[in-house]
Amino acid sequence: MSYVDGPDGSVALTELPRFPAPEAPSVSGSLTAPLPGTVTRIAVAVGHRVAKGDLLLTLEAMKLEHPVLAPHAGTVAAIRVTAGQQVDGGAVLAVIEGLAVIEGDE
């Protein structure tokens, strides 16, 4: 904590982290943005069944497109972003319902 005194009074300042760690997703199956960027394309809609590795959406960051892929098979329960929307790193992009497939059982 830092204290600043001046002619108008005193102020106590608390240093905050410059880049706070993203909060853990609150919903099971949530997919979060790996970095800040702009959603350029959404390839699925709510209710679509997806397989592991299917393209869900793309993010543009640092003049590159970054695909966001399904981590496991399931059904798209929610899309929390729209095309053209700016997102922060760690923001929830979509929710996939379904059980994760254990490698080797596919």
C-alpha atoms as a PDB file:
ATOM      1  CA  MET A   1       0.000   0.000   0.000  1.00  0.00           C
ATOM      2  CA  SER A   2       1.212   3.478  -0.839  1.00  0.00           C
ATOM      3  CA  TYR A   3       0.107   6.718   0.783  1.00  0.00           C
ATOM      4  CA  VAL A   4      -0.003  10.085  -0.961  1.00  0.00           C
ATOM      5  CA  ASP A   5      -0.437  13.338   0.964  1.00  0.00           C
ATOM      6  CA  GLY A   6      -1.360  16.590  -0.732  1.00  0.00           C
ATOM      7  CA  PRO A   7      -3.017  19.933  -0.067  1.00  0.00           C
ATOM      8  CA  ASP A   8      -6.474  18.393  -0.674  1.00  0.00           C
ATOM      9  CA  GLY A   9      -5.975  15.462   1.705  1.00  0.00           C
ATOM     10  CA  SER A  10      -4.460  11.989   1.886  1.00  0.00           C
ATOM     11  CA  VAL A  11      -5.044   8.985  -0.341  1.00  0.00           C
ATOM     12  CA  ALA A  12      -4.147   5.319   0.203  1.00  0.00           C
ATOM     13  CA  LEU A  13      -3.335   3.455  -3.027  1.00  0.00           C
ATOM     14  CA  THR A  14      -3.241  -0.310  -3.524  1.00  0.00           C
ATOM     15  CA  GLU A  15      -1.190  -1.778  -6.374  1.00  0.00           C
ATOM     16  CA  LEU A  16      -3.174  -4.120  -8.635  1.00  0.00           C
ATOM     17  CA  PRO A  17      -1.682  -6.712 -10.991  1.00  0.00           C
ATOM     18  CA  ARG A  18      -1.200  -5.346 -14.497  1.00  0.00           C
ATOM     19  CA  PHE A  19      -2.464  -8.509 -16.176  1.00  0.00           C
ATOM     20  CA  PRO A  20      -4.677 -10.388 -13.726  1.00  0.00           C
ATOM     21  CA  ALA A  21      -5.078 -14.115 -14.293  1.00  0.00           C
ATOM     22  CA  PRO A  22      -8.394 -14.989 -15.938  1.00  0.00           C
ATOM     23  CA  GLU A  23     -11.026 -16.421 -13.660  1.00  0.00           C
ATOM     24  CA  ALA A  24     -11.848 -20.097 -13.960  1.00  0.00           C
ATOM     25  CA  PRO A  25     -14.869 -20.812 -16.165  1.00  0.00           C
ATOM     26  CA  SER A  26     -18.034 -20.954 -14.087  1.00  0.00           C
ATOM     27  CA  VAL A  27     -19.842 -23.447 -16.333  1.00  0.00           C
ATOM     28  CA  SER A  28     -18.583 -26.954 -16.974  1.00  0.00           C
ATOM     29  CA  GLY A  29     -17.587 -27.320 -20.629  1.00  0.00           C
ATOM     30  CA  SER A  30     -16.785 -23.620 -21.083  1.00  0.00           C
ATOM     31  CA  LEU A  31     -14.247 -22.688 -23.751  1.00  0.00           C
ATOM     32  CA  THR A  32     -12.288 -19.536 -23.038  1.00  0.00           C
ATOM     33  CA  ALA A  33     -10.380 -17.152 -25.284  1.00  0.00           C
ATOM     34  CA  PRO A  34      -6.676 -18.045 -25.253  1.00  0.00           C
ATOM     35  CA  LEU A  35      -5.758 -14.373 -25.850  1.00  0.00           C
ATOM     36  CA  PRO A  36      -7.473 -11.021 -26.415  1.00  0.00           C
ATOM     37  CA  GLY A  37      -8.797 -10.518 -29.929  1.00  0.00           C
ATOM     38  CA  THR A  38     -11.779 -10.114 -32.239  1.00  0.00           C
ATOM     39  CA  VAL A  39     -14.198 -12.917 -33.073  1.00  0.00           C
ATOM     40  CA  THR A  40     -14.090 -13.101 -36.882  1.00  0.00           C
ATOM     41  CA  ARG A  41     -16.257 -16.132 -37.613  1.00  0.00           C
ATOM     42  CA  ILE A  42     -18.611 -18.452 -35.770  1.00  0.00           C
ATOM     43  CA  ALA A  43     -18.815 -21.872 -37.449  1.00  0.00           C
ATOM     44  CA  VAL A  44     -21.471 -23.537 -35.231  1.00  0.00           C
ATOM     45  CA  ALA A  45     -24.817 -22.719 -33.673  1.00  0.00           C
ATOM     46  CA  VAL A  46     -26.495 -23.717 -30.433  1.00  0.00           C
ATOM     47  CA  GLY A  47     -27.711 -27.307 -30.661  1.00  0.00           C
ATOM     48  CA  HIS A  48     -25.092 -28.475 -33.205  1.00  0.00           C
ATOM     49  CA  ARG A  49     -23.292 -31.713 -32.427  1.00  0.00           C
ATOM     50  CA  VAL A  50     -19.521 -31.423 -32.721  1.00  0.00           C
ATOM     51  CA  ALA A  51     -16.669 -33.911 -32.745  1.00  0.00           C
ATOM     52  CA  LYS A  52     -13.329 -33.449 -31.048  1.00  0.00           C
ATOM     53  CA  GLY A  53     -11.257 -30.999 -33.132  1.00  0.00           C
ATOM     54  CA  ASP A  54     -14.176 -29.420 -35.030  1.00  0.00           C
ATOM     55  CA  LEU A  55     -13.832 -25.684 -35.682  1.00  0.00           C
ATOM     56  CA  LEU A  56     -16.129 -23.658 -33.419  1.00  0.00           C
ATOM     57  CA  LEU A  57     -14.975 -20.116 -34.171  1.00  0.00           C
ATOM     58  CA  THR A  58     -11.950 -18.051 -35.076  1.00  0.00           C
ATOM     59  CA  LEU A  59     -10.276 -15.177 -33.260  1.00  0.00           C
ATOM     60  CA  GLU A  60      -8.128 -12.536 -34.922  1.00  0.00           C
ATOM     61  CA  ALA A  61      -5.258 -11.353 -32.780  1.00  0.00           C
ATOM     62  CA  MET A  62      -1.999  -9.736 -33.797  1.00  0.00           C
ATOM     63  CA  LYS A  63      -3.081  -9.908 -37.490  1.00  0.00           C
ATOM     64  CA  LEU A  64      -3.359 -13.720 -37.299  1.00  0.00           C
ATOM     65  CA  GLU A  65      -6.425 -15.946 -37.164  1.00  0.00           C
ATOM     66  CA  HIS A  66      -6.516 -18.404 -34.274  1.00  0.00           C
ATOM     67  CA  PRO A  67      -8.964 -21.327 -34.557  1.00  0.00           C
ATOM     68  CA  VAL A  68     -10.919 -22.353 -31.449  1.00  0.00           C
ATOM     69  CA  LEU A  69     -11.537 -26.102 -31.695  1.00  0.00           C
ATOM     70  CA  ALA A  70     -13.848 -28.428 -29.784  1.00  0.00           C
ATOM     71  CA  PRO A  71     -11.822 -30.132 -27.031  1.00  0.00           C
ATOM     72  CA  HIS A  72     -14.199 -33.123 -27.033  1.00  0.00           C
ATOM     73  CA  ALA A  73     -17.348 -34.407 -28.711  1.00  0.00           C
ATOM     74  CA  GLY A  74     -20.647 -32.985 -27.523  1.00  0.00           C
ATOM     75  CA  THR A  75     -23.448 -30.540 -28.231  1.00  0.00           C
ATOM     76  CA  VAL A  76     -23.041 -26.764 -28.407  1.00  0.00           C
ATOM     77  CA  ALA A  77     -25.044 -25.531 -25.405  1.00  0.00           C
ATOM     78  CA  ALA A  78     -24.241 -21.822 -25.719  1.00  0.00           C
ATOM     79  CA  ILE A  79     -22.370 -19.324 -27.878  1.00  0.00           C
ATOM     80  CA  ARG A  80     -21.496 -16.325 -25.707  1.00  0.00           C
ATOM     81  CA  VAL A  81     -20.000 -14.095 -28.429  1.00  0.00           C
ATOM     82  CA  THR A  82     -20.949 -12.614 -31.791  1.00  0.00           C
ATOM     83  CA  ALA A  83     -18.919 -12.074 -34.957  1.00  0.00           C
ATOM     84  CA  GLY A  84     -17.009  -8.795 -34.734  1.00  0.00           C
ATOM     85  CA  GLN A  85     -17.012  -8.742 -30.923  1.00  0.00           C
ATOM     86  CA  GLN A  86     -13.805  -7.856 -29.051  1.00  0.00           C
ATOM     87  CA  VAL A  87     -12.970 -10.323 -26.247  1.00  0.00           C
ATOM     88  CA  ASP A  88     -10.430 -10.380 -23.447  1.00  0.00           C
ATOM     89  CA  GLY A  89      -8.180 -13.337 -22.743  1.00  0.00           C
ATOM     90  CA  GLY A  90     -10.046 -15.801 -20.551  1.00  0.00           C
ATOM     91  CA  ALA A  91     -13.516 -14.667 -21.689  1.00  0.00           C
ATOM     92  CA  VAL A  92     -16.026 -17.513 -22.105  1.00  0.00           C
ATOM     93  CA  LEU A  93     -16.669 -18.013 -25.833  1.00  0.00           C
ATOM     94  CA  ALA A  94     -18.857 -21.115 -25.950  1.00  0.00           C
ATOM     95  CA  VAL A  95     -20.107 -24.012 -23.839  1.00  0.00           C
ATOM     96  CA  ILE A  96     -19.966 -27.631 -25.044  1.00  0.00           C
ATOM     97  CA  GLU A  97     -22.084 -30.221 -23.217  1.00  0.00           C
ATOM     98  CA  GLY A  98     -20.960 -33.806 -23.373  1.00  0.00           C
ATOM     99  CA  LEU A  99     -18.458 -36.142 -21.832  1.00  0.00           C
ATOM    100  CA  ALA A 100     -14.788 -35.832 -22.640  1.00  0.00           C
ATOM    101  CA  VAL A 101     -13.519 -38.865 -24.541  1.00  0.00           C
ATOM    102  CA  ILE A 102     -10.474 -40.501 -22.996  1.00  0.00           C
ATOM    103  CA  GLU A 103      -7.695 -40.839 -25.570  1.00  0.00           C
ATOM    104  CA  GLY A 104      -7.448 -44.388 -26.850  1.00  0.00           C
ATOM    105  CA  ASP A 105     -11.218 -44.968 -26.419  1.00  0.00           C
ATOM    106  CA  GLU A 106     -12.141 -43.156 -29.651  1.00  0.00           C
END
